[in-house]
Amino acid sequence: MATRNPRRKLRQDGTVAWQARYRDPDGRQRAKEFTKKVDAERFLATTRADMARGDWINPADAKRLFADVAEHWRTTQVHADTTAAAVAGDLRNHILPTFGDREIGRIRHSRRPGMGASTLGAPRPGHGGPKLPVAGRHLPPGRQ
């Protein structure tokens, strides 16, 4: 959990820095320095909120490319052959073209271009769940 207040720190060159110290979810202490106290307070508040939501990302992991993380995840999952093929196809055709070359830490929930129900979270027709209308297609009579 993030500490309550930033600490004032005198640097060797005589300038003042504000150190925001916090513990990550694994209990490891981390620190980041700022020139303004308000920036350190804002950082701690954001860090605290990210941890509470489960959105906090280790700064070292934040620099990893989404494609690398996705590939590691895909190869460590236990799936039936058909499911593994579907997951690989979905990543290759829908997810990686948008996010593959981005660093994990730069992807935000609010910046998911074109990632609507047809791409994320909605089952594909024939793969369980209700069939969803797709732009340009019409529902059969009685299902409108």
N, C-alpha and C. Protein backbone atom coordinates (compact mmCIF):
# COMPACT_ATOMS: atom_id res chain seq x y z
N MET A 1 0.85 -1.18 0.00
CA MET A 1 0.00 0.00 0.00
C MET A 1 0.89 1.23 0.00
N ALA A 2 0.42 2.26 -0.61
CA ALA A 2 1.18 3.51 -0.69
C ALA A 2 1.28 4.15 0.69
N THR A 3 2.37 4.88 0.90
CA THR A 3 2.52 5.57 2.17
C THR A 3 1.55 6.74 2.23
N ARG A 4 1.40 7.31 3.39
CA ARG A 4 0.40 8.36 3.58
C ARG A 4 0.82 9.70 2.97
N ASN A 5 2.06 10.10 3.20
CA ASN A 5 2.53 11.40 2.72
C ASN A 5 3.92 11.25 2.10
N PRO A 6 4.21 12.11 1.12
CA PRO A 6 5.57 12.10 0.58
C PRO A 6 6.57 12.67 1.60
N ARG A 7 7.80 12.22 1.49
CA ARG A 7 8.84 12.70 2.39
C ARG A 7 9.71 13.72 1.68
N ARG A 8 10.11 14.72 2.45
CA ARG A 8 11.02 15.74 1.92
C ARG A 8 12.43 15.17 1.99
N LYS A 9 13.19 15.36 0.91
CA LYS A 9 14.53 14.81 0.84
C LYS A 9 15.47 15.88 0.29
N LEU A 10 16.59 16.08 0.96
CA LEU A 10 17.59 17.05 0.51
C LEU A 10 18.62 16.31 -0.33
N ARG A 11 18.73 16.71 -1.59
CA ARG A 11 19.69 16.08 -2.49
C ARG A 11 21.08 16.61 -2.23
N GLN A 12 22.08 15.92 -2.75
CA GLN A 12 23.47 16.33 -2.55
C GLN A 12 23.77 17.67 -3.19
N ASP A 13 23.05 18.00 -4.24
CA ASP A 13 23.31 19.29 -4.90
C ASP A 13 22.58 20.44 -4.21
N GLY A 14 21.89 20.15 -3.10
CA GLY A 14 21.24 21.19 -2.32
C GLY A 14 19.77 21.42 -2.68
N THR A 15 19.29 20.78 -3.71
CA THR A 15 17.88 20.94 -4.07
C THR A 15 17.01 20.00 -3.24
N VAL A 16 15.75 20.35 -3.18
CA VAL A 16 14.80 19.54 -2.41
C VAL A 16 14.01 18.65 -3.36
N ALA A 17 13.83 17.41 -2.95
CA ALA A 17 13.01 16.47 -3.70
C ALA A 17 11.95 15.90 -2.77
N TRP A 18 10.87 15.48 -3.33
CA TRP A 18 9.80 14.84 -2.58
C TRP A 18 9.74 13.39 -2.99
N GLN A 19 9.96 12.52 -2.00
CA GLN A 19 10.03 11.10 -2.28
C GLN A 19 8.69 10.43 -1.94
N ALA A 20 8.09 9.82 -2.95
CA ALA A 20 6.85 9.06 -2.77
C ALA A 20 7.25 7.60 -2.58
N ARG A 21 7.05 7.08 -1.37
CA ARG A 21 7.41 5.69 -1.09
C ARG A 21 6.14 4.87 -0.90
N TYR A 22 6.17 3.67 -1.43
CA TYR A 22 5.02 2.78 -1.32
C TYR A 22 5.48 1.33 -1.39
N ARG A 23 4.61 0.43 -1.00
CA ARG A 23 4.88 -1.01 -1.10
C ARG A 23 3.99 -1.58 -2.20
N ASP A 24 4.60 -2.38 -3.06
CA ASP A 24 3.82 -2.99 -4.12
C ASP A 24 3.02 -4.17 -3.56
N PRO A 25 2.15 -4.77 -4.34
CA PRO A 25 1.33 -5.87 -3.83
C PRO A 25 2.14 -7.06 -3.29
N ASP A 26 3.39 -7.20 -3.71
CA ASP A 26 4.24 -8.27 -3.20
C ASP A 26 4.98 -7.87 -1.93
N GLY A 27 4.77 -6.63 -1.46
CA GLY A 27 5.41 -6.17 -0.23
C GLY A 27 6.75 -5.50 -0.43
N ARG A 28 7.20 -5.39 -1.67
CA ARG A 28 8.48 -4.75 -1.95
C ARG A 28 8.33 -3.24 -1.90
N GLN A 29 9.25 -2.57 -1.19
CA GLN A 29 9.18 -1.11 -1.09
C GLN A 29 9.74 -0.49 -2.36
N ARG A 30 9.03 0.50 -2.84
CA ARG A 30 9.44 1.24 -4.04
C ARG A 30 9.40 2.73 -3.73
N ALA A 31 10.14 3.50 -4.50
CA ALA A 31 10.17 4.94 -4.29
C ALA A 31 10.35 5.65 -5.63
N LYS A 32 9.79 6.84 -5.69
CA LYS A 32 9.94 7.68 -6.87
C LYS A 32 10.05 9.11 -6.38
N GLU A 33 10.96 9.89 -6.98
CA GLU A 33 11.19 11.26 -6.55
C GLU A 33 10.55 12.27 -7.50
N PHE A 34 10.10 13.38 -6.90
CA PHE A 34 9.47 14.46 -7.63
C PHE A 34 10.03 15.78 -7.14
N THR A 35 9.99 16.80 -8.00
CA THR A 35 10.48 18.12 -7.59
C THR A 35 9.40 18.89 -6.83
N LYS A 36 8.12 18.54 -7.06
CA LYS A 36 7.02 19.23 -6.37
C LYS A 36 6.28 18.26 -5.47
N LYS A 37 5.91 18.74 -4.30
CA LYS A 37 5.19 17.91 -3.34
C LYS A 37 3.84 17.46 -3.91
N VAL A 38 3.16 18.36 -4.60
CA VAL A 38 1.84 18.04 -5.15
C VAL A 38 1.94 16.90 -6.17
N ASP A 39 3.03 16.84 -6.93
CA ASP A 39 3.21 15.75 -7.89
C ASP A 39 3.41 14.42 -7.17
N ALA A 40 4.16 14.43 -6.09
CA ALA A 40 4.37 13.22 -5.29
C ALA A 40 3.07 12.74 -4.66
N GLU A 41 2.26 13.69 -4.15
CA GLU A 41 0.96 13.34 -3.56
C GLU A 41 0.03 12.75 -4.62
N ARG A 42 0.02 13.35 -5.79
CA ARG A 42 -0.83 12.86 -6.88
C ARG A 42 -0.40 11.45 -7.29
N PHE A 43 0.91 11.23 -7.38
CA PHE A 43 1.43 9.91 -7.74
C PHE A 43 1.00 8.87 -6.71
N LEU A 44 1.14 9.20 -5.41
CA LEU A 44 0.74 8.25 -4.37
C LEU A 44 -0.76 7.96 -4.42
N ALA A 45 -1.56 8.98 -4.65
CA ALA A 45 -3.01 8.78 -4.72
C ALA A 45 -3.37 7.87 -5.90
N THR A 46 -2.74 8.11 -7.04
CA THR A 46 -2.99 7.29 -8.23
C THR A 46 -2.53 5.85 -8.00
N THR A 47 -1.36 5.70 -7.41
CA THR A 47 -0.82 4.37 -7.13
C THR A 47 -1.73 3.62 -6.17
N ARG A 48 -2.18 4.30 -5.14
CA ARG A 48 -3.09 3.69 -4.16
C ARG A 48 -4.38 3.23 -4.85
N ALA A 49 -4.94 4.07 -5.70
CA ALA A 49 -6.18 3.73 -6.40
C ALA A 49 -5.96 2.57 -7.38
N ASP A 50 -4.84 2.59 -8.11
CA ASP A 50 -4.54 1.50 -9.04
C ASP A 50 -4.42 0.17 -8.30
N MET A 51 -3.77 0.18 -7.15
CA MET A 51 -3.64 -1.06 -6.37
C MET A 51 -4.99 -1.55 -5.88
N ALA A 52 -5.83 -0.64 -5.43
CA ALA A 52 -7.14 -1.01 -4.92
C ALA A 52 -8.01 -1.63 -6.02
N ARG A 53 -7.88 -1.13 -7.26
CA ARG A 53 -8.65 -1.64 -8.39
C ARG A 53 -8.02 -2.89 -9.00
N GLY A 54 -6.76 -3.15 -8.64
CA GLY A 54 -6.05 -4.27 -9.26
C GLY A 54 -5.45 -3.90 -10.59
N ASP A 55 -5.31 -2.60 -10.86
CA ASP A 55 -4.77 -2.12 -12.13
C ASP A 55 -3.29 -1.75 -12.06
N TRP A 56 -2.68 -1.88 -10.89
CA TRP A 56 -1.28 -1.48 -10.73
C TRP A 56 -0.39 -2.42 -11.54
N ILE A 57 0.56 -1.85 -12.26
CA ILE A 57 1.51 -2.63 -13.05
C ILE A 57 2.91 -2.34 -12.54
N ASN A 58 3.67 -3.38 -12.30
CA ASN A 58 5.06 -3.24 -11.89
C ASN A 58 5.77 -2.39 -12.94
N PRO A 59 6.49 -1.33 -12.52
CA PRO A 59 7.16 -0.45 -13.50
C PRO A 59 8.08 -1.20 -14.46
N ALA A 60 8.74 -2.26 -14.00
CA ALA A 60 9.61 -3.04 -14.90
C ALA A 60 8.77 -3.78 -15.94
N ASP A 61 7.64 -4.34 -15.53
CA ASP A 61 6.77 -5.05 -16.46
C ASP A 61 6.07 -4.10 -17.43
N ALA A 62 5.87 -2.86 -17.03
CA ALA A 62 5.16 -1.89 -17.86
C ALA A 62 5.89 -1.63 -19.17
N LYS A 63 7.17 -1.90 -19.24
CA LYS A 63 7.96 -1.65 -20.44
C LYS A 63 7.91 -2.83 -21.42
N ARG A 64 7.35 -3.96 -20.99
CA ARG A 64 7.27 -5.12 -21.88
C ARG A 64 6.21 -4.89 -22.95
N LEU A 65 6.45 -5.39 -24.14
CA LEU A 65 5.49 -5.26 -25.22
C LEU A 65 4.32 -6.21 -25.01
N PHE A 66 3.13 -5.74 -25.37
CA PHE A 66 1.93 -6.54 -25.21
C PHE A 66 2.07 -7.87 -25.95
N ALA A 67 2.64 -7.86 -27.15
CA ALA A 67 2.78 -9.09 -27.93
C ALA A 67 3.59 -10.14 -27.17
N ASP A 68 4.66 -9.73 -26.48
CA ASP A 68 5.48 -10.67 -25.72
C ASP A 68 4.69 -11.25 -24.55
N VAL A 69 3.96 -10.40 -23.85
CA VAL A 69 3.17 -10.85 -22.71
C VAL A 69 2.06 -11.79 -23.18
N ALA A 70 1.39 -11.42 -24.28
CA ALA A 70 0.30 -12.24 -24.81
C ALA A 70 0.81 -13.61 -25.25
N GLU A 71 1.96 -13.64 -25.90
CA GLU A 71 2.52 -14.92 -26.34
C GLU A 71 2.89 -15.80 -25.16
N HIS A 72 3.49 -15.20 -24.13
CA HIS A 72 3.82 -15.97 -22.92
C HIS A 72 2.55 -16.51 -22.28
N TRP A 73 1.53 -15.67 -22.18
CA TRP A 73 0.25 -16.11 -21.61
C TRP A 73 -0.34 -17.25 -22.43
N ARG A 74 -0.36 -17.08 -23.76
CA ARG A 74 -0.97 -18.09 -24.63
C ARG A 74 -0.29 -19.44 -24.50
N THR A 75 1.03 -19.44 -24.45
CA THR A 75 1.76 -20.71 -24.39
C THR A 75 1.70 -21.37 -23.03
N THR A 76 1.30 -20.64 -21.99
CA THR A 76 1.22 -21.25 -20.65
C THR A 76 -0.19 -21.69 -20.29
N GLN A 77 -1.17 -21.43 -21.17
CA GLN A 77 -2.55 -21.85 -20.90
C GLN A 77 -2.75 -23.30 -21.30
N VAL A 78 -3.61 -23.99 -20.58
CA VAL A 78 -3.97 -25.37 -20.91
C VAL A 78 -5.34 -25.32 -21.59
N HIS A 79 -5.34 -25.58 -22.89
CA HIS A 79 -6.57 -25.53 -23.68
C HIS A 79 -6.67 -26.78 -24.54
N ALA A 80 -7.89 -27.11 -24.91
CA ALA A 80 -8.08 -28.13 -25.94
C ALA A 80 -7.49 -27.57 -27.24
N ASP A 81 -7.17 -28.46 -28.17
CA ASP A 81 -6.53 -28.01 -29.42
C ASP A 81 -7.36 -26.98 -30.16
N THR A 82 -8.68 -27.19 -30.22
CA THR A 82 -9.53 -26.24 -30.95
C THR A 82 -9.59 -24.90 -30.25
N THR A 83 -9.62 -24.91 -28.92
CA THR A 83 -9.63 -23.65 -28.17
C THR A 83 -8.31 -22.92 -28.34
N ALA A 84 -7.21 -23.66 -28.28
CA ALA A 84 -5.89 -23.05 -28.46
C ALA A 84 -5.78 -22.40 -29.83
N ALA A 85 -6.31 -23.06 -30.86
CA ALA A 85 -6.28 -22.49 -32.21
C ALA A 85 -7.14 -21.24 -32.29
N ALA A 86 -8.31 -21.26 -31.65
CA ALA A 86 -9.20 -20.09 -31.66
C ALA A 86 -8.55 -18.91 -30.94
N VAL A 87 -7.92 -19.17 -29.79
CA VAL A 87 -7.24 -18.12 -29.03
C VAL A 87 -6.10 -17.53 -29.86
N ALA A 88 -5.30 -18.38 -30.48
CA ALA A 88 -4.19 -17.90 -31.30
C ALA A 88 -4.71 -17.05 -32.47
N GLY A 89 -5.80 -17.50 -33.09
CA GLY A 89 -6.38 -16.74 -34.20
C GLY A 89 -6.93 -15.40 -33.75
N ASP A 90 -7.62 -15.39 -32.61
CA ASP A 90 -8.17 -14.13 -32.10
C ASP A 90 -7.05 -13.14 -31.78
N LEU A 91 -5.99 -13.63 -31.14
CA LEU A 91 -4.86 -12.74 -30.85
C LEU A 91 -4.27 -12.20 -32.15
N ARG A 92 -3.98 -13.09 -33.07
CA ARG A 92 -3.32 -12.71 -34.33
C ARG A 92 -4.18 -11.76 -35.17
N ASN A 93 -5.48 -12.02 -35.24
CA ASN A 93 -6.34 -11.25 -36.14
C ASN A 93 -6.98 -10.01 -35.53
N HIS A 94 -7.20 -10.02 -34.22
CA HIS A 94 -7.97 -8.93 -33.62
C HIS A 94 -7.22 -8.11 -32.57
N ILE A 95 -6.42 -8.75 -31.75
CA ILE A 95 -5.82 -8.07 -30.61
C ILE A 95 -4.43 -7.53 -30.94
N LEU A 96 -3.56 -8.38 -31.47
CA LEU A 96 -2.18 -7.96 -31.72
C LEU A 96 -2.04 -6.84 -32.76
N PRO A 97 -2.89 -6.77 -33.80
CA PRO A 97 -2.75 -5.63 -34.71
C PRO A 97 -2.95 -4.28 -34.01
N THR A 98 -3.74 -4.25 -32.97
CA THR A 98 -3.99 -3.00 -32.25
C THR A 98 -2.99 -2.77 -31.14
N PHE A 99 -2.69 -3.80 -30.36
CA PHE A 99 -1.89 -3.63 -29.15
C PHE A 99 -0.50 -4.26 -29.19
N GLY A 100 -0.20 -5.07 -30.18
CA GLY A 100 1.02 -5.87 -30.19
C GLY A 100 2.31 -5.11 -29.96
N ASP A 101 2.46 -3.95 -30.59
CA ASP A 101 3.72 -3.21 -30.49
C ASP A 101 3.71 -2.15 -29.39
N ARG A 102 2.71 -2.19 -28.52
CA ARG A 102 2.62 -1.20 -27.43
C ARG A 102 3.17 -1.77 -26.13
N GLU A 103 3.76 -0.89 -25.34
CA GLU A 103 4.20 -1.29 -24.00
C GLU A 103 2.97 -1.46 -23.12
N ILE A 104 3.00 -2.46 -22.25
CA ILE A 104 1.87 -2.76 -21.38
C ILE A 104 1.45 -1.52 -20.59
N GLY A 105 2.41 -0.79 -20.06
CA GLY A 105 2.11 0.37 -19.23
C GLY A 105 1.47 1.53 -19.98
N ARG A 106 1.47 1.49 -21.30
CA ARG A 106 0.89 2.58 -22.08
C ARG A 106 -0.52 2.27 -22.58
N ILE A 107 -1.03 1.12 -22.25
CA ILE A 107 -2.39 0.74 -22.67
C ILE A 107 -3.35 1.14 -21.56
N ARG A 108 -4.36 1.91 -21.92
CA ARG A 108 -5.35 2.38 -20.95
C ARG A 108 -6.72 1.86 -21.34
N HIS A 109 -7.58 1.66 -20.37
CA HIS A 109 -8.94 1.19 -20.64
C HIS A 109 -9.67 2.16 -21.56
N SER A 110 -9.42 3.44 -21.41
CA SER A 110 -10.14 4.44 -22.19
C SER A 110 -9.61 4.55 -23.62
N ARG A 111 -8.53 3.89 -23.93
CA ARG A 111 -7.94 4.00 -25.27
C ARG A 111 -7.92 2.66 -25.98
N ARG A 112 -9.07 2.06 -26.12
CA ARG A 112 -9.16 0.80 -26.84
C ARG A 112 -9.92 1.03 -28.13
N PRO A 113 -9.25 1.54 -29.15
CA PRO A 113 -9.95 1.87 -30.39
C PRO A 113 -10.55 0.63 -31.04
N GLY A 114 -11.85 0.72 -31.36
CA GLY A 114 -12.50 -0.36 -32.07
C GLY A 114 -12.66 -1.64 -31.29
N MET A 115 -12.48 -1.60 -30.00
CA MET A 115 -12.56 -2.82 -29.22
C MET A 115 -13.92 -2.90 -28.54
N GLY A 116 -14.95 -3.06 -29.34
CA GLY A 116 -16.30 -3.13 -28.80
C GLY A 116 -16.69 -4.56 -28.52
N ALA A 117 -17.98 -4.78 -28.35
CA ALA A 117 -18.50 -6.10 -28.01
C ALA A 117 -18.18 -7.13 -29.08
N SER A 118 -18.05 -6.70 -30.34
CA SER A 118 -17.76 -7.66 -31.39
C SER A 118 -16.33 -8.18 -31.31
N THR A 119 -15.45 -7.50 -30.58
CA THR A 119 -14.06 -7.91 -30.51
C THR A 119 -13.69 -8.49 -29.16
N LEU A 120 -14.14 -7.87 -28.08
CA LEU A 120 -13.77 -8.34 -26.75
C LEU A 120 -14.99 -8.80 -25.97
N GLY A 121 -14.89 -9.96 -25.38
CA GLY A 121 -15.89 -10.39 -24.44
C GLY A 121 -17.15 -10.98 -25.01
N ALA A 122 -17.42 -10.82 -26.28
CA ALA A 122 -18.65 -11.36 -26.85
C ALA A 122 -18.33 -12.67 -27.56
N PRO A 123 -19.11 -13.72 -27.29
CA PRO A 123 -18.85 -14.98 -27.97
C PRO A 123 -19.13 -14.85 -29.46
N ARG A 124 -18.35 -15.56 -30.26
CA ARG A 124 -18.58 -15.57 -31.69
C ARG A 124 -19.76 -16.49 -32.00
N PRO A 125 -20.52 -16.21 -33.04
CA PRO A 125 -21.62 -17.10 -33.40
C PRO A 125 -21.12 -18.53 -33.55
N GLY A 126 -21.87 -19.44 -32.96
CA GLY A 126 -21.49 -20.85 -33.02
C GLY A 126 -20.53 -21.27 -31.94
N HIS A 127 -20.12 -20.34 -31.08
CA HIS A 127 -19.17 -20.65 -30.01
C HIS A 127 -19.79 -20.41 -28.64
N GLY A 128 -21.06 -20.64 -28.49
CA GLY A 128 -21.72 -20.50 -27.20
C GLY A 128 -22.24 -19.10 -26.99
N GLY A 129 -23.21 -18.99 -26.14
CA GLY A 129 -23.77 -17.69 -25.81
C GLY A 129 -24.69 -17.19 -26.91
N PRO A 130 -25.36 -16.09 -26.65
CA PRO A 130 -26.28 -15.56 -27.65
C PRO A 130 -25.54 -14.95 -28.82
N LYS A 131 -26.18 -15.02 -29.99
CA LYS A 131 -25.59 -14.39 -31.17
C LYS A 131 -25.89 -12.90 -31.09
N LEU A 132 -24.89 -12.10 -31.30
CA LEU A 132 -25.05 -10.65 -31.22
C LEU A 132 -25.17 -10.07 -32.62
N PRO A 133 -25.98 -9.02 -32.77
CA PRO A 133 -26.06 -8.38 -34.08
C PRO A 133 -24.73 -7.72 -34.43
N VAL A 134 -24.39 -7.79 -35.68
CA VAL A 134 -23.15 -7.21 -36.17
C VAL A 134 -23.52 -6.10 -37.13
N ALA A 135 -22.76 -5.03 -37.13
CA ALA A 135 -23.04 -3.91 -38.03
C ALA A 135 -23.16 -4.39 -39.46
N GLY A 136 -24.23 -3.96 -40.13
CA GLY A 136 -24.43 -4.34 -41.52
C GLY A 136 -25.26 -5.60 -41.70
N ARG A 137 -25.53 -6.32 -40.61
CA ARG A 137 -26.36 -7.51 -40.69
C ARG A 137 -27.66 -7.26 -39.97
N HIS A 138 -28.68 -7.99 -40.37
CA HIS A 138 -29.99 -7.84 -39.76
C HIS A 138 -30.34 -9.09 -38.98
N LEU A 139 -31.07 -8.89 -37.90
CA LEU A 139 -31.55 -10.03 -37.14
C LEU A 139 -32.71 -10.69 -37.87
N PRO A 140 -32.88 -12.00 -37.73
CA PRO A 140 -34.01 -12.66 -38.35
C PRO A 140 -35.32 -12.12 -37.79
N PRO A 141 -36.42 -12.24 -38.53
CA PRO A 141 -37.72 -11.77 -38.04
C PRO A 141 -38.03 -12.41 -36.69
N GLY A 142 -38.59 -11.62 -35.80
CA GLY A 142 -38.94 -12.12 -34.48
C GLY A 142 -37.84 -11.96 -33.46
N ARG A 143 -36.62 -11.64 -33.89
CA ARG A 143 -35.50 -11.48 -32.96
C ARG A 143 -35.03 -10.04 -32.91
N GLN A 144 -35.85 -9.13 -33.48
CA GLN A 144 -35.43 -7.75 -33.52
C GLN A 144 -35.82 -7.02 -32.28
